[in-house]
Protein backbone atom coordinates (compact mmCIF):
# COMPACT_ATOMS: atom_id res chain seq x y z
CA MET A 1 148.24 102.13 113.80
CA ALA A 2 145.09 103.84 113.86
CA SER A 3 145.85 104.95 109.92
CA ARG A 4 146.71 100.63 109.08
CA ALA A 5 143.04 99.77 110.84
CA ALA A 6 141.52 102.75 108.86
CA ARG A 7 142.75 101.39 105.38
CA LYS A 8 142.12 97.89 106.81
CA ALA A 9 138.51 98.91 107.43
CA LEU A 10 138.15 100.97 104.11
CA ALA A 11 139.61 97.70 101.97
CA GLY A 12 136.68 95.52 103.43
CA ARG A 13 134.03 98.07 102.22
CA ASP A 14 132.30 98.04 98.79
CA VAL A 15 132.07 101.54 97.94
CA ALA A 16 130.58 100.81 94.69
CA LEU A 17 127.64 99.00 96.66
CA GLU A 18 127.36 101.84 99.24
CA ASN A 19 127.27 104.59 96.73
CA PHE A 20 124.71 102.70 94.59
CA ALA A 21 122.52 102.26 97.97
CA ARG A 22 122.64 105.70 98.75
CA GLY A 23 121.71 106.69 95.23
CA GLU A 24 118.50 104.05 95.29
CA GLN A 25 117.59 105.83 98.96
CA LEU A 26 117.89 109.03 97.34
CA VAL A 27 114.99 108.08 94.82
CA ARG A 28 113.08 106.08 97.22
CA GLU A 29 112.93 109.33 99.30
CA HIS A 30 111.42 111.49 96.74
CA PRO A 31 107.91 111.80 96.51
CA ILE A 32 107.78 111.66 92.34
CA PHE A 33 110.15 108.24 92.08
CA ALA A 34 109.29 106.52 95.05
CA PRO A 35 105.90 105.15 94.01
CA LEU A 36 107.29 103.73 90.41
CA LEU A 37 110.68 102.43 92.66
CA ALA A 38 108.23 100.57 94.84
CA HIS A 39 106.71 98.80 92.12
CA ALA A 40 109.79 97.95 90.28
CA GLY A 41 112.22 95.33 90.83
CA VAL A 42 115.86 95.99 91.02
CA VAL A 43 118.43 93.45 89.71
CA ARG A 44 121.83 93.91 90.23
CA ALA A 45 123.39 90.98 89.67
CA THR A 46 126.19 89.46 87.37
CA GLY A 47 124.87 88.28 83.87
CA ASN A 48 121.99 90.35 84.18
CA LEU A 49 120.67 92.68 80.86
CA CYS A 50 122.68 95.67 81.43
CA PRO A 51 125.50 95.84 78.76
CA PRO A 52 129.32 96.07 80.20
CA ASP A 53 129.33 99.97 79.01
CA GLY A 54 126.13 100.96 80.51
CA TRP A 55 124.50 101.79 83.76
CA VAL A 56 120.96 100.52 83.62
CA VAL A 57 118.48 99.15 81.51
CA VAL A 58 114.45 98.83 82.29
CA THR A 59 112.44 96.01 80.88
CA GLN A 60 108.21 96.49 80.02
CA GLY A 61 107.57 94.53 83.21
CA GLY A 62 109.40 97.19 85.32
CA ALA A 63 112.82 95.22 86.08
CA LEU A 64 115.70 97.88 86.61
CA HIS A 65 118.68 95.63 85.42
CA VAL A 66 121.87 97.67 86.96
CA HIS A 67 125.32 97.30 86.06
CA PRO A 68 126.81 95.08 89.09
CA THR A 69 130.29 96.38 89.46
CA ARG A 70 130.26 100.03 87.97
CA ARG A 71 131.35 102.66 90.16
CA GLY A 72 129.32 106.22 90.55
CA GLU A 73 128.45 108.76 93.03
CA PRO A 74 125.19 108.46 94.48
CA ALA A 75 124.00 111.45 92.61
CA GLU A 76 124.76 109.79 89.36
CA TRP A 77 123.05 106.76 90.61
CA ALA A 78 120.03 108.68 91.34
CA TYR A 79 119.64 110.16 88.18
CA VAL A 80 120.04 106.86 85.82
CA LEU A 81 117.81 105.11 88.25
CA ALA A 82 115.19 107.76 88.05
CA HIS A 83 115.66 108.06 84.36
CA SER A 84 114.67 104.36 83.82
CA LEU A 85 111.93 104.98 86.14
CA LEU A 86 110.62 107.62 83.99
CA HIS A 87 110.46 105.44 80.94
CA LEU A 88 108.02 103.60 82.94
CA GLY A 89 105.94 106.36 84.15
CA PHE A 90 105.88 108.16 80.82
CA GLY A 91 104.68 105.09 79.15
CA HIS A 92 107.60 104.95 76.41
CA PHE A 93 107.08 101.54 75.69
CA ARG A 94 105.01 101.88 72.66
CA ALA A 95 104.97 99.79 69.61
CA GLY A 96 105.24 100.44 66.01
CA ARG A 97 108.52 103.13 66.35
CA ARG A 98 111.97 102.80 65.10
CA PRO A 99 113.60 101.78 68.31
CA LYS A 100 116.97 104.02 67.70
CA GLU A 101 114.71 107.17 67.17
CA TRP A 102 112.51 106.89 69.90
CA THR A 103 114.60 105.90 72.32
CA ALA A 104 116.64 109.01 71.81
CA ALA A 105 113.79 111.29 71.51
CA CYS A 106 112.68 109.72 75.20
CA ASP A 107 116.40 110.23 76.59
CA LEU A 108 115.94 113.87 75.30
CA PHE A 109 112.67 114.59 77.04
CA ILE A 110 113.52 112.89 80.29
CA ALA A 111 116.68 114.50 80.57
CA ARG A 112 114.56 117.92 80.10
CA PHE A 113 112.52 116.83 82.60
CA LEU A 114 115.12 115.75 85.53
CA ALA A 115 116.99 119.36 84.60
CA ASP A 116 114.14 121.25 85.23
CA LEU A 117 113.45 119.00 88.83
CA LYS A 118 117.02 119.44 89.35
CA PHE A 119 117.27 115.93 90.77
CA GLY A 120 120.61 113.93 90.84
CA ARG A 121 123.37 114.53 88.19
CA PRO A 122 124.30 112.72 84.87
CA PRO A 123 127.18 110.78 84.56
CA GLY A 124 129.94 112.04 82.56
CA ASP A 125 130.07 109.67 80.06
CA MET A 126 126.67 110.19 79.40
CA GLY A 127 127.54 112.90 77.17
CA ASP A 128 126.05 116.68 76.49
CA LEU A 129 122.50 115.89 75.14
CA PRO A 130 121.06 118.62 73.00
CA PRO A 131 118.32 120.76 74.04
CA ALA A 132 114.82 119.28 73.84
CA GLY A 133 112.93 122.90 74.16
CA SER A 134 109.56 122.49 74.90
CA ARG A 135 108.73 119.82 72.55
CA ASN A 136 107.42 116.16 73.51
CA GLU A 137 108.62 112.72 72.97
CA GLU A 138 106.31 112.19 69.82
CA ARG A 139 107.49 115.54 67.74
CA LEU A 140 111.31 114.89 69.16
CA TYR A 141 110.59 111.42 67.35
CA GLN A 142 109.33 113.25 63.98
CA GLU A 143 112.39 115.68 63.92
CA LEU A 144 114.91 112.76 64.44
CA CYS A 145 113.09 110.40 62.03
CA GLU A 146 113.21 113.15 59.30
CA HIS A 147 116.90 114.72 60.26
CA GLY A 148 118.88 111.75 61.65
CA LEU A 149 120.39 111.06 64.75
CA GLY A 150 123.49 113.21 64.21
CA GLU A 151 127.04 112.55 65.91
CA THR A 152 125.84 112.68 69.59
CA PHE A 153 123.77 109.83 69.54
CA GLN A 154 125.43 108.15 66.47
CA ALA A 155 128.58 107.58 68.65
CA LEU A 156 126.63 106.15 71.83
CA GLY A 157 125.08 103.56 69.67
CA THR A 158 122.52 101.35 70.92
CA ALA A 159 124.45 99.44 73.71
CA GLY A 160 125.56 102.79 75.22
CA PRO A 161 124.25 103.98 78.72
CA ARG A 162 121.32 106.20 76.65
CA ALA A 163 120.48 104.87 73.92
CA GLY A 164 119.22 101.38 74.43
CA ASP A 165 118.40 101.70 77.45
CA MET A 166 114.93 100.29 77.27
CA VAL A 167 114.86 96.51 76.50
CA TRP A 168 111.86 95.77 74.17
CA GLY A 169 109.73 92.67 73.78
CA PRO A 170 106.15 90.92 74.08
CA GLU A 171 103.73 92.62 76.73
CA GLN A 172 105.28 91.26 80.26
CA PRO A 173 103.48 91.10 83.46
CA GLY A 174 104.78 93.46 86.29
CA ARG A 175 106.90 92.29 89.19
CA TYR A 176 104.11 90.37 91.05
CA GLY A 177 102.95 88.71 87.95
CA LEU A 178 100.27 91.52 86.97
CA PRO A 179 99.68 93.82 85.04
CA PHE A 180 100.60 97.26 86.35
CA ASP A 181 99.60 100.87 85.25
CA TRP A 182 102.57 102.63 85.32
CA GLN A 183 101.52 105.83 84.13
CA THR A 184 98.49 106.31 86.75
CA CYS A 185 101.12 105.28 89.59
CA PHE A 186 103.61 108.01 88.32
CA GLY A 187 100.43 110.37 88.54
CA HIS A 188 99.92 109.53 92.15
CA GLY A 189 103.79 110.26 93.00
CA LEU A 190 103.58 113.84 90.79
CA ALA A 191 100.17 114.60 92.63
CA GLN A 192 102.03 114.23 96.13
CA ALA A 193 105.03 116.02 95.34
CA VAL A 194 103.07 118.94 94.24
CA ALA A 195 101.08 118.86 97.26
CA ALA A 196 104.19 118.79 99.30
CA ALA A 197 105.66 121.63 97.33
CA VAL A 198 102.59 123.74 97.98
CA ASP A 199 102.36 123.17 102.01
CA VAL A 200 106.05 124.16 102.01
CA ALA A 201 105.24 127.32 99.96
CA GLY A 202 102.43 128.03 102.37
CA GLY A 203 104.91 127.93 105.20
CA LEU A 204 103.49 124.33 106.32
CA THR A 205 104.66 120.89 107.15
CA PRO A 206 104.62 118.91 104.18
CA GLY A 207 101.42 116.70 104.00
CA ALA A 208 99.91 119.30 106.76
CA GLY A 209 97.46 120.93 104.22
CA GLN A 210 93.64 120.56 104.95
CA GLN A 211 93.36 117.62 102.21
CA ARG A 212 93.06 114.28 103.88
CA SER A 213 95.10 111.38 102.68
CA ASN A 214 93.75 107.89 101.22
CA GLY A 215 93.97 106.67 104.41
CA GLN A 216 92.04 109.19 106.17
CA ARG A 217 89.68 109.12 103.51
CA ALA A 218 89.17 105.20 103.75
CA ARG A 219 88.63 105.35 107.55
CA ALA A 220 86.17 108.29 107.28
CA TRP A 221 84.28 105.88 104.66
CA PHE A 222 84.10 103.04 106.93
CA ILE A 223 83.22 104.94 110.16
CA ASP A 224 80.38 106.69 107.98
CA HIS A 225 79.45 103.58 105.86
CA TYR A 226 80.48 100.21 107.32
CA PRO A 227 79.27 99.58 110.62
CA LEU A 228 80.77 96.15 111.15
CA LEU A 229 84.76 97.87 110.89
CA GLY A 230 83.66 101.41 111.79
CA ALA A 231 84.56 100.94 115.33
CA LEU A 232 87.73 99.29 114.46
CA ALA A 233 88.62 101.97 112.31
CA ALA A 234 87.70 105.13 114.30
CA SER A 235 90.51 103.15 117.00
CA PHE A 236 93.04 103.10 114.58
CA GLU A 237 96.14 105.44 114.24
CA ILE A 238 96.70 105.62 110.22
CA VAL A 239 100.55 105.94 109.71
CA GLU A 240 101.18 107.28 106.39
CA ASP A 241 104.90 108.39 106.41
CA PRO A 242 107.27 106.94 103.47
CA GLN A 243 110.26 107.10 105.93
CA VAL A 244 108.87 105.30 108.59
CA CYS A 245 107.52 102.47 105.94
CA SER A 246 110.81 102.08 104.50
CA SER A 247 112.64 102.01 107.17
CA LEU A 248 110.10 99.12 108.84
CA GLY A 249 110.56 97.19 105.02
CA ILE A 250 106.60 97.94 104.37
CA SER A 251 106.09 98.27 100.71
CA VAL A 252 102.23 98.41 100.77
CA ALA A 253 101.14 98.25 104.37
CA ALA A 254 101.19 96.54 108.14
CA VAL A 255 98.97 96.60 110.69
CA ASP A 256 100.57 96.58 114.68
CA ALA A 257 97.59 95.16 116.82
CA GLN A 258 99.33 96.34 120.13
CA ALA A 259 99.74 99.86 119.57
CA ARG A 260 96.96 99.90 117.31
CA GLU A 261 98.32 101.41 113.97
CA ILE A 262 98.08 100.79 110.45
CA TYR A 263 100.84 101.73 108.33
CA LEU A 264 100.18 102.85 104.82
CA ASN A 265 103.39 103.63 102.27
CA PRO A 266 101.70 106.57 100.19
CA ALA A 267 104.76 105.40 97.90
CA ALA A 268 102.52 102.20 96.89
CA GLY A 269 100.37 104.53 94.84
CA LEU A 270 96.95 103.15 96.15
CA ASP A 271 93.80 104.59 95.02
CA ASP A 272 90.72 104.96 97.23
CA ALA A 273 89.35 101.51 96.67
CA GLU A 274 92.39 99.91 97.02
CA CYS A 275 93.24 101.90 100.08
CA ARG A 276 89.75 100.53 101.54
CA PHE A 277 90.73 97.00 100.61
CA VAL A 278 94.12 97.33 102.22
CA MET A 279 92.87 98.85 105.67
CA ALA A 280 90.10 96.45 106.05
CA HIS A 281 92.61 93.44 105.71
CA GLU A 282 95.11 94.82 108.19
CA MET A 283 92.27 95.64 110.52
CA LEU A 284 90.71 92.18 110.66
CA HIS A 285 94.20 90.75 110.73
CA ALA A 286 94.07 92.63 114.41
CA ALA A 287 90.42 92.19 115.24
CA LEU A 288 90.79 88.46 114.71
CA ARG A 289 94.10 88.10 116.59
CA HIS A 290 96.11 86.20 113.98
CA ASP A 291 98.98 87.35 115.68
CA SER A 292 97.91 85.46 119.15
CA ARG A 293 96.99 82.15 116.71
CA THR A 294 100.44 81.39 115.50
CA GLN A 295 100.46 78.13 118.09
CA GLY A 296 103.93 77.42 116.93
CA ARG A 297 103.43 77.65 113.49
CA ASP A 298 105.97 79.35 110.89
CA PRO A 299 105.00 82.89 111.60
CA PHE A 300 105.03 84.17 107.49
CA LEU A 301 103.35 80.85 106.28
CA TRP A 302 100.63 81.16 108.97
CA ASN A 303 100.49 85.10 107.74
CA ILE A 304 99.87 84.08 104.33
CA SER A 305 97.20 81.53 105.08
CA CYS A 306 95.44 84.26 107.02
CA ASP A 307 95.73 86.72 104.03
CA TYR A 308 94.47 84.22 101.85
CA VAL A 309 91.27 83.83 103.92
CA ILE A 310 90.64 87.62 104.73
CA ASN A 311 91.01 88.58 100.96
CA ALA A 312 88.24 86.12 100.17
CA TRP A 313 86.19 87.46 102.38
CA LEU A 314 86.83 91.31 101.35
CA VAL A 315 86.14 90.14 97.86
CA GLU A 316 82.92 88.48 98.74
CA MET A 317 81.74 91.60 100.77
CA GLN A 318 82.94 93.72 97.85
CA VAL A 319 85.00 96.01 99.80
CA GLY A 320 87.52 98.25 97.73
CA HIS A 321 89.01 96.64 95.02
CA VAL A 322 92.19 94.03 95.67
CA PRO A 323 96.00 95.73 95.31
CA GLN A 324 98.12 94.63 92.62
CA VAL A 325 100.99 94.16 94.90
CA GLY A 326 100.78 91.38 97.89
CA GLY A 327 96.91 90.83 97.28
CA LEU A 328 96.83 86.95 97.35
CA HIS A 329 93.79 85.58 96.34
CA ASP A 330 92.74 81.97 95.30
CA ALA A 331 89.17 81.28 94.45
CA THR A 332 90.02 77.38 94.63
CA LEU A 333 90.53 78.26 98.46
CA LYS A 334 87.17 79.92 99.17
CA GLY A 335 85.78 78.57 102.46
CA GLU A 336 88.66 77.09 103.99
CA SER A 337 90.22 77.94 107.09
CA ALA A 338 93.65 79.55 107.81
CA GLU A 339 94.56 76.30 109.86
CA ALA A 340 93.74 74.24 106.31
CA ILE A 341 95.25 76.15 104.40
CA TYR A 342 98.52 76.35 106.61
CA ASP A 343 98.55 72.80 106.33
CA ARG A 344 98.56 73.03 102.43
CA LEU A 345 101.38 75.47 102.70
CA VAL A 346 103.67 73.75 104.95
CA THR A 347 103.77 70.96 102.17
CA ASP A 348 106.12 73.19 99.49
CA MET A 349 107.61 75.77 101.85
CA ARG A 350 110.17 76.65 99.91
CA ARG A 351 108.05 77.41 96.78
CA PHE A 352 105.41 79.53 99.25
CA ARG A 353 108.28 81.53 101.07
CA LYS A 354 108.74 83.79 98.02
CA LEU A 355 105.08 85.13 98.04
CA SER A 356 104.56 88.39 98.90
CA THR A 357 102.28 90.04 101.62
CA LEU A 358 101.29 93.88 101.52
CA ARG A 359 104.39 94.39 103.26
CA GLY A 360 106.62 92.95 101.23
CA VAL A 361 108.44 89.31 99.79
CA GLY A 362 108.85 86.64 102.16
CA ILE A 363 107.94 89.08 105.02
CA GLY A 364 104.44 89.38 107.00
CA ASP A 365 102.41 92.22 107.81
CA ILE A 366 101.75 91.37 111.11
CA LEU A 367 104.10 93.40 113.12
CA VAL A 368 104.64 91.33 116.71
CA PRO A 369 106.60 93.44 118.89
CA GLY A 370 108.60 92.00 121.98
CA THR A 371 108.24 88.67 123.21
CA PRO A 372 106.68 85.70 121.20
CA ASP A 373 103.81 85.78 123.70
CA TRP A 374 103.29 89.35 124.45
CA TRP A 375 99.68 89.07 124.04
CA ASN A 376 99.30 86.68 126.89
CA HIS A 377 100.47 89.46 129.31
CA GLY A 378 99.05 92.76 130.78
CA ALA A 379 97.95 94.73 127.93
CA GLY A 380 97.30 91.63 125.72
CA ALA A 381 93.95 90.78 127.70
CA ASP A 382 92.74 94.43 127.22
CA LEU A 383 93.21 94.49 123.47
CA ASP A 384 91.47 90.78 123.66
CA ASP A 385 88.59 92.44 125.06
CA PHE A 386 88.68 95.50 122.79
CA TYR A 387 88.64 93.63 119.30
CA ARG A 388 86.09 91.36 120.82
CA ARG A 389 83.71 93.71 122.17
CA ALA A 390 84.40 96.41 118.54
CA LEU A 391 83.75 93.32 116.44
CA SER A 392 80.59 91.92 117.86
CA GLN A 393 79.16 95.46 118.01
CA GLY A 394 79.84 95.95 114.47
CA LEU A 395 78.51 92.68 113.55
CA LEU A 396 75.17 93.78 115.51
CA TRP A 397 75.09 97.30 113.79
CA HIS A 398 76.00 95.95 110.38
CA GLN A 399 72.97 93.24 110.44
CA GLU A 400 70.61 95.46 112.01
CA GLN A 401 70.95 98.01 109.26
CA GLY A 402 71.16 95.39 106.55
CA ARG A 403 74.49 97.20 105.37
CA GLY A 404 75.67 94.50 102.88
CA TYR A 405 76.39 90.52 102.74
CA LEU A 406 78.98 89.19 104.97
CA PRO A 407 80.30 85.77 104.62
CA ALA A 408 79.40 82.89 106.79
CA GLY A 409 83.00 81.97 107.60
CA LEU A 410 83.95 85.54 108.50
CA ILE A 411 80.49 85.42 111.14
CA GLU A 412 81.78 82.32 112.43
CA GLU A 413 85.16 83.77 113.51
CA ILE A 414 83.38 86.87 115.06
CA ARG A 415 81.16 84.98 117.28
CA ALA A 416 83.66 82.40 118.32
CA LEU A 417 85.76 85.41 119.80
CA SER A 418 82.61 86.31 122.04
CA TYR A 419 82.75 82.60 123.76
CA PRO A 420 86.20 81.77 125.88
CA PRO A 421 88.38 78.77 124.36
CA ILE A 422 87.77 75.40 125.68
CA PRO A 423 90.80 74.74 128.43
CA TRP A 424 93.05 72.04 127.18
CA ASP A 425 91.94 69.63 130.12
CA VAL A 426 88.78 69.72 129.33
CA GLU A 427 89.13 68.68 125.40
CA LEU A 428 91.50 65.73 126.74
CA ALA A 429 88.79 64.53 128.92
CA ARG A 430 86.28 64.58 125.98
CA TRP A 431 88.81 62.35 124.02
CA PHE A 432 89.24 60.06 126.48
CA ASP A 433 85.02 60.09 127.02
CA ASP A 434 85.23 59.18 123.28
CA GLN A 435 87.19 56.27 123.89
CA PHE A 436 86.32 54.79 126.78
CA VAL A 437 82.72 54.70 127.34
CA PRO A 438 81.52 54.74 131.16
CA LEU A 439 81.08 51.66 132.82
CA GLU A 440 77.94 50.81 134.68
CA ARG A 441 78.84 49.53 138.29
CA ARG A 442 76.37 46.56 139.74
CA ARG A 443 75.89 45.72 143.38
CA SER A 444 77.61 42.22 144.01
CA TYR A 445 77.34 39.64 147.07
CA ALA A 446 81.03 38.03 145.99
CA ARG A 447 82.79 40.80 147.84
CA PRO A 448 80.15 41.82 150.45
CA SER A 449 80.65 45.44 151.80
CA ARG A 450 80.97 46.18 155.79
CA ARG A 451 78.00 45.75 157.99
CA GLN A 452 75.94 48.49 159.30
CA ALA A 453 76.26 48.71 162.82
CA ALA A 454 72.61 48.77 163.59
CA THR A 455 71.88 45.50 161.53
CA PRO A 456 75.19 43.44 161.57
CA ALA A 457 73.37 40.15 160.84
CA ILE A 458 72.43 41.53 157.34
CA PRO A 459 74.99 41.12 154.23
CA ARG A 460 75.25 44.35 152.25
CA PRO A 461 76.48 44.06 148.56
CA SER A 462 79.31 46.00 147.27
CA TRP A 463 79.42 47.90 143.97
CA VAL A 464 81.59 46.15 141.65
CA LEU A 465 82.60 46.17 137.63
CA PRO A 466 81.49 43.77 135.14
CA LEU A 467 85.32 41.79 134.81
CA ALA A 468 84.37 40.91 130.98
CA ALA A 469 84.12 45.18 130.21
CA THR A 470 87.46 45.87 132.16
CA VAL A 471 89.11 43.27 129.58
CA GLY A 472 91.25 45.59 126.91
CA ARG A 473 90.32 48.78 128.59
CA THR A 474 93.55 50.29 128.11
CA PHE A 475 95.70 52.76 125.80
CA GLY A 476 99.12 53.40 125.27
CA VAL A 477 101.26 56.74 125.91
CA VAL A 478 104.60 57.93 123.99
CA LEU A 479 106.50 60.12 126.47
CA ASP A 480 108.68 62.31 124.78
CA THR A 481 111.46 62.38 126.92
CA SER A 482 114.25 64.37 125.00
CA GLY A 483 116.03 67.49 126.36
CA SER A 484 113.91 69.98 124.83
CA MET A 485 110.75 68.80 126.70
CA ASP A 486 110.16 70.79 130.18
CA ARG A 487 110.08 68.81 133.02
CA ARG A 488 106.91 70.77 134.63
CA LEU A 489 105.26 69.87 131.06
CA LEU A 490 105.77 66.14 131.47
CA ALA A 491 104.61 66.19 135.23
CA GLN A 492 101.49 68.22 134.27
CA ALA A 493 100.81 65.96 131.09
CA LEU A 494 101.43 62.49 133.39
CA GLY A 495 99.09 64.30 136.29
CA ALA A 496 96.54 64.68 134.05
CA ILE A 497 96.60 61.13 132.30
CA ALA A 498 96.61 59.74 135.59
CA SER A 499 93.71 61.12 136.88
CA TYR A 500 91.96 60.86 133.71
CA SER A 501 92.90 56.76 133.60
CA ILE A 502 91.51 56.52 137.22
CA ALA A 503 88.42 58.37 136.60
CA ARG A 504 87.24 55.88 133.48
CA ASP A 505 88.24 52.89 135.23
CA VAL A 506 91.41 52.14 132.85
CA LEU A 507 93.10 49.77 134.75
CA GLY A 508 96.73 49.81 133.44
CA VAL A 509 98.35 52.15 130.72
CA ARG A 510 101.48 50.71 128.57
CA VAL A 511 103.76 53.47 128.70
CA VAL A 512 106.97 53.70 126.32
CA PHE A 513 109.50 56.89 127.17
CA CYS A 514 111.45 57.64 123.78
CA ASP A 515 114.12 59.98 123.07
CA ALA A 516 116.91 58.54 121.09
CA ALA A 517 116.24 55.43 122.07
CA THR A 518 112.92 53.53 123.18
CA TYR A 519 112.17 52.58 126.71
CA ASP A 520 109.38 50.25 127.20
CA GLN A 521 107.97 50.68 130.86
CA GLY A 522 105.24 48.07 130.13
CA TYR A 523 101.60 48.37 131.83
CA LEU A 524 101.33 50.73 134.59
CA ALA A 525 98.47 51.37 137.04
CA PRO A 526 97.27 54.70 136.56
CA GLU A 527 98.09 55.87 139.87
CA ALA A 528 102.03 54.71 139.60
CA ILE A 529 102.36 57.02 136.36
CA ALA A 530 101.72 60.28 138.76
CA ASP A 531 103.83 58.61 141.42
CA CYS A 532 106.42 56.45 140.91
CA VAL A 533 107.52 56.73 137.01
CA ARG A 534 111.15 57.71 136.72
CA VAL A 535 111.55 59.06 133.41
CA GLN A 536 114.77 57.91 131.59
CA GLY A 537 116.22 59.26 128.10
CA ARG A 538 116.66 63.06 127.86
CA GLY A 539 118.43 62.43 124.54
CA GLY A 540 117.34 63.24 120.67
CA THR A 541 113.94 62.80 119.63
CA VAL A 542 112.95 59.86 117.50
CA LEU A 543 109.15 58.87 118.14
CA GLN A 544 108.29 56.51 115.26
CA PRO A 545 110.05 53.49 117.05
CA ALA A 546 107.82 53.33 119.97
CA ILE A 547 105.07 53.64 117.63
CA ASP A 548 105.61 50.78 115.91
CA LEU A 549 106.47 49.18 119.08
CA LEU A 550 103.12 49.51 120.14
CA GLU A 551 101.50 48.91 117.08
CA GLN A 552 103.42 45.44 116.61
CA ALA A 553 103.25 44.40 120.21
CA GLU A 554 101.02 41.13 120.84
CA ASP A 555 99.90 42.01 124.37
CA PHE A 556 98.68 45.37 123.31
CA PRO A 557 94.96 45.62 122.01
CA LYS A 558 94.55 46.11 118.32
CA ASP A 559 91.97 48.65 118.78
CA GLY A 560 94.16 50.72 121.72
CA PRO A 561 94.21 54.43 121.26
CA LEU A 562 97.48 55.94 121.59
CA LEU A 563 98.49 59.23 123.10
CA ILE A 564 101.85 60.97 121.85
CA ILE A 565 103.24 63.82 124.40
CA THR A 566 105.53 65.72 122.72
CA ASP A 567 107.05 69.24 121.97
CA GLY A 568 107.28 68.91 118.32
CA ALA A 569 110.28 68.90 117.63
CA CYS A 570 109.94 65.57 115.99
CA ASP A 571 110.06 63.94 112.23
CA ARG A 572 106.67 63.00 110.61
CA LEU A 573 105.11 60.14 112.21
CA ARG A 574 103.10 57.08 110.66
CA ILE A 575 100.33 56.17 112.68
CA ARG A 576 97.76 53.45 111.64
CA ARG A 577 95.43 53.44 114.66
CA THR A 578 93.30 56.32 116.67
CA HIS A 579 95.69 58.64 118.16
CA ALA A 580 95.92 62.07 119.56
CA PHE A 581 98.75 64.80 120.20
CA LEU A 582 99.67 66.49 123.85
CA ILE A 583 101.66 69.51 122.88
CA PRO A 584 102.98 72.43 124.57
CA GLU A 585 101.08 75.58 123.91
CA ASN A 586 102.33 77.82 120.95
CA ARG A 587 104.34 74.68 119.53
CA HIS A 588 103.27 73.15 116.35
CA LEU A 589 103.99 69.54 114.62
CA PRO A 590 106.07 69.77 111.64
CA PHE A 591 103.36 67.80 109.86
CA VAL A 592 99.51 67.70 109.35
CA ALA A 593 97.96 65.81 112.31
CA VAL A 594 95.29 63.00 111.55
CA GLY A 595 94.21 62.78 115.08
CA PRO A 596 93.32 65.55 117.56
CA VAL A 597 95.66 68.02 118.93
CA PHE A 598 95.58 68.98 122.61
CA ARG A 599 97.97 72.08 123.45
CA MET A 600 98.79 72.13 127.14
CA ARG A 601 99.38 75.49 129.18
CA LEU A 602 100.96 75.87 132.58
């Protein structure tokens, strides 16, 4: 039975895919090839550019087209992937050369490089390459042009695994639509490999030498030269372990605001200016608490919106250079808030989900561990206070020392952190004040009040409201009673509405319960809303019929405002009159709201 189960499990595995993944991982863990692979795109799909008898071909834009079904050992896959990446790193896409001879010369040179490096194992069908000696590509190319390719290369042909593995054509953009300097990236990887080898030869752990990394130099620069972010930079731990970044899926950088850690992937090949930009980007994510301001929005699209805002500020402030990978910047969005940009992005979610942050394509660079509301408990309050004080003090030092230009939007965000947010019930009370002007009471003898015991013969006038002013003083409430609505939220919302209505002399409220059907309760006294209303429904969520009922009702004022209470799990609504939404905290409407949105907190 055990052998049968083992055979069944083995039959369900894709051995070819597993070997390819292990070979790719070997390349990803090597300091020379990791930066190149981080910026290249691997295409292993049927119908790609790889010929039937090939292993992999590489394009000028940095796309590696891998044979989708070929079987090979991990060492063989590591060899052919490294071979293709070195075509990019050595800058072999040069115009004005004979393709066969030039490709053969480049293959000979790369084969010698990999043999000296002792990396991977060349596949058996690639044949034995002639020794390249100490000659470079140019000398090898001249010799092949003069003496011919010989039997070794003629037998392979242009579609073989070695000759023809470079796809020629016009200059193409890189993986993310931007030009990329592959040779500089390769140089960074080579320098990291040499530094690691020197550390090992000296008996040290790789990376433990005296030379500081890019992240450490960037942090020192902020501490010494940029007071606004100096306190933040000093408090963050910089994690520059390529294996840790690979396990977290971080291609360039990410931030963990709770742990106060910034992850920088050395394989990204950032220079000092790009590293400063990336570090400032991640520190502002954490300091402005973008993780806690999601409010029920799509986390990735919210991350993208914040990226656009932060990158625009950093470009204005001239802090480093925008990296070529994940640097989202659009000059047309300058001056807009993250909330406004998010409202634009949700109109075409399928398109914008393909964007790349500094962490990678389709994933955000804000790491939020634990529960979605971890920042509301325990250490979250301490973190809020820490980031608030660090940014406020940094802003004061920056302005006192005149260290440089700061965008007005960033200054507003920092100053807003110094003031606690207005409670939702206070905001709702202000909305009621805007809709219902306080009435001026007057004394009237129409209904005399009780007479004083000292002067029982003297009638006393009572305070009354003018009857004309109370006519039409009402509003409509559309209450979502679907099963997803929390009963405590319903009770809290109805209690707040009742108390504000009584305080503002609203004599009656038109209430409509709505889930899968509409339940018109008619006009209710404010006291009855809190005490005597029996909620019906608890089914699905369809709110538009309730809106239409109130807008078309002949006994409801044409200018009467509407208050919609829902949890956000509803369809797009069409409302043609003054309105507001009351939704739970950490929820978001699936459309751009025209009226104000108040968020209840239990």
